[in-house]
C-alpha atoms as a PDB file:
ATOM      1  CA  MET A   1      40.216 151.464 255.097  1.00  0.00           C
ATOM      2  CA  VAL A   2      42.158 152.384 251.980  1.00  0.00           C
ATOM      3  CA  VAL A   3      40.518 151.931 248.594  1.00  0.00           C
ATOM      4  CA  LEU A   4      42.396 151.796 245.330  1.00  0.00           C
ATOM      5  CA  VAL A   5      41.051 154.131 242.651  1.00  0.00           C
ATOM      6  CA  ASN A   6      42.062 153.868 239.000  1.00  0.00           C
ATOM      7  CA  PHE A   7      41.514 156.377 236.231  1.00  0.00           C
ATOM      8  CA  LYS A   8      42.557 156.724 232.629  1.00  0.00           C
ATOM      9  CA  ALA A   9      44.749 159.565 231.380  1.00  0.00           C
ATOM     10  CA  ASP A  10      46.717 160.041 228.205  1.00  0.00           C
ATOM     11  CA  GLU A  11      50.512 160.140 228.323  1.00  0.00           C
ATOM     12  CA  GLU A  12      50.664 163.889 227.691  1.00  0.00           C
ATOM     13  CA  PHE A  13      48.460 164.620 230.695  1.00  0.00           C
ATOM     14  CA  LEU A  14      50.448 162.230 232.895  1.00  0.00           C
ATOM     15  CA  ALA A  15      53.630 164.021 231.857  1.00  0.00           C
ATOM     16  CA  GLU A  16      52.034 167.332 232.951  1.00  0.00           C
ATOM     17  CA  ILE A  17      51.026 165.780 236.269  1.00  0.00           C
ATOM     18  CA  ASP A  18      54.538 164.411 236.840  1.00  0.00           C
ATOM     19  CA  LYS A  19      56.147 167.755 235.998  1.00  0.00           C
ATOM     20  CA  ALA A  20      53.784 169.660 238.308  1.00  0.00           C
ATOM     21  CA  ALA A  21      54.345 167.122 241.093  1.00  0.00           C
ATOM     22  CA  ARG A  22      58.131 167.420 240.831  1.00  0.00           C
ATOM     23  CA  THR A  23      57.973 171.213 240.668  1.00  0.00           C
ATOM     24  CA  ALA A  24      55.781 171.326 243.779  1.00  0.00           C
ATOM     25  CA  GLY A  25      58.088 168.934 245.657  1.00  0.00           C
ATOM     26  CA  TYR A  26      55.866 165.866 245.812  1.00  0.00           C
ATOM     27  CA  HIS A  27      57.694 162.541 245.987  1.00  0.00           C
ATOM     28  CA  THR A  28      55.119 160.567 244.046  1.00  0.00           C
ATOM     29  CA  ARG A  29      52.363 161.109 241.536  1.00  0.00           C
ATOM     30  CA  THR A  30      49.946 159.556 244.044  1.00  0.00           C
ATOM     31  CA  GLU A  31      50.757 162.171 246.706  1.00  0.00           C
ATOM     32  CA  PHE A  32      50.183 164.937 244.173  1.00  0.00           C
ATOM     33  CA  ILE A  33      46.876 163.543 242.913  1.00  0.00           C
ATOM     34  CA  ARG A  34      45.628 162.845 246.456  1.00  0.00           C
ATOM     35  CA  GLU A  35      46.412 166.433 247.513  1.00  0.00           C
ATOM     36  CA  ALA A  36      44.833 167.850 244.340  1.00  0.00           C
ATOM     37  CA  LEU A  37      41.635 165.914 245.033  1.00  0.00           C
ATOM     38  CA  ARG A  38      41.582 167.107 248.661  1.00  0.00           C
ATOM     39  CA  ASP A  39      42.048 170.708 247.524  1.00  0.00           C
ATOM     40  CA  LYS A  40      39.286 170.428 244.933  1.00  0.00           C
ATOM     41  CA  THR A  41      36.921 168.801 247.436  1.00  0.00           C
ATOM     42  CA  GLU A  42      37.576 171.584 249.962  1.00  0.00           C
ATOM     43  CA  GLU A  43      37.059 174.231 247.262  1.00  0.00           C
ATOM     44  CA  ILE A  44      33.669 172.734 246.351  1.00  0.00           C
ATOM     45  CA  ASN A  45      32.647 172.502 250.023  1.00  0.00           C
ATOM     46  CA  MET A  46      33.686 176.127 250.610  1.00  0.00           C
ATOM     47  CA  LYS A  47      31.634 177.294 247.615  1.00  0.00           C
ATOM     48  CA  GLN A  48      28.601 175.432 248.963  1.00  0.00           C
ATOM     49  CA  ARG A  49      29.022 177.062 252.390  1.00  0.00           C
ATOM     50  CA  ILE A  50      29.334 180.506 250.804  1.00  0.00           C
ATOM     51  CA  LEU A  51      26.175 179.920 248.740  1.00  0.00           C
ATOM     52  CA  ALA A  52      24.321 178.837 251.886  1.00  0.00           C
ATOM     53  CA  LEU A  53      25.442 182.024 253.658  1.00  0.00           C
ATOM     54  CA  LYS A  54      24.403 184.165 250.692  1.00  0.00           C
ATOM     55  CA  LYS A  55      20.926 182.660 250.867  1.00  0.00           C
ATOM     56  CA  MET A  56      20.730 183.649 254.539  1.00  0.00           C
ATOM     57  CA  LYS A  57      21.724 187.269 253.879  1.00  0.00           C
ATOM     58  CA  GLY A  58      18.931 189.643 254.761  1.00  0.00           C
ATOM     59  CA  LYS A  59      16.771 186.921 256.348  1.00  0.00           C
ATOM     60  CA  SER A  60      17.047 188.359 259.857  1.00  0.00           C
ATOM     61  CA  LYS A  61      13.711 189.651 261.118  1.00  0.00           C
ATOM     62  CA  ARG A  62      15.336 192.204 263.427  1.00  0.00           C
ATOM     63  CA  LYS A  63      17.678 194.957 262.353  1.00  0.00           C
ATOM     64  CA  THR A  64      20.221 196.438 264.768  1.00  0.00           C
ATOM     65  CA  THR A  65      20.370 200.213 264.749  1.00  0.00           C
ATOM     66  CA  ASN A  66      23.580 202.234 264.986  1.00  0.00           C
ATOM     67  CA  LYS A  67      22.453 203.448 268.403  1.00  0.00           C
ATOM     68  CA  GLU A  68      22.084 199.846 269.633  1.00  0.00           C
ATOM     69  CA  ILE A  69      25.501 198.891 268.220  1.00  0.00           C
ATOM     70  CA  HIS A  70      27.104 201.875 269.977  1.00  0.00           C
ATOM     71  CA  SER A  71      25.412 200.939 273.254  1.00  0.00           C
ATOM     72  CA  ILE A  72      26.568 197.320 273.005  1.00  0.00           C
ATOM     73  CA  ARG A  73      30.158 198.409 272.276  1.00  0.00           C
ATOM     74  CA  GLU A  74      30.105 200.803 275.226  1.00  0.00           C
ATOM     75  CA  LYS A  75      28.879 198.075 277.600  1.00  0.00           C
ATOM     76  CA  ALA A  76      31.527 195.650 276.347  1.00  0.00           C
ATOM     77  CA  PHE A  77      34.273 198.269 276.752  1.00  0.00           C
ATOM     78  CA  ASN A  78      33.133 199.059 280.305  1.00  0.00           C
ATOM     79  CA  GLU A  79      33.136 195.357 281.251  1.00  0.00           C
ATOM     80  CA  ILE A  80      36.650 194.906 279.855  1.00  0.00           C
ATOM     81  CA  ARG A  81      37.849 198.032 281.695  1.00  0.00           C
ATOM     82  CA  LYS A  82      36.445 196.693 285.000  1.00  0.00           C
ATOM     83  CA  LYS A  83      38.196 193.344 284.535  1.00  0.00           C
ATOM     84  CA  LEU A  84      41.510 195.033 283.773  1.00  0.00           C
ATOM     85  CA  LYS A  85      41.448 197.097 287.019  1.00  0.00           C
END
C-alpha cells in the first residue's frame, strides 16, 4: 500500500532540494526525497545497532587466552589442510 505524505518547505529549501536532485541524477524530487529518507532511516538504525553492540562489549563471562586462540587456529588450519589433500 502506498501512502501519500505531505510536508511544508519554503521555496528556498525546495530549490536546494531540486538542485541536489538534479546534480545527483534523480528524475524527480519525489525520488530524491524518498531515497534521502531511506538513507536517514538506515543511518539511524545502524547507530542503534552500534550502540547495542557497545553495550555488549566486555559482557562475556569467559575470556579466551592467546594460547587458546593459537590452538583453535592450529586445529582449523589442520582441518583445512586435510580437506585440500
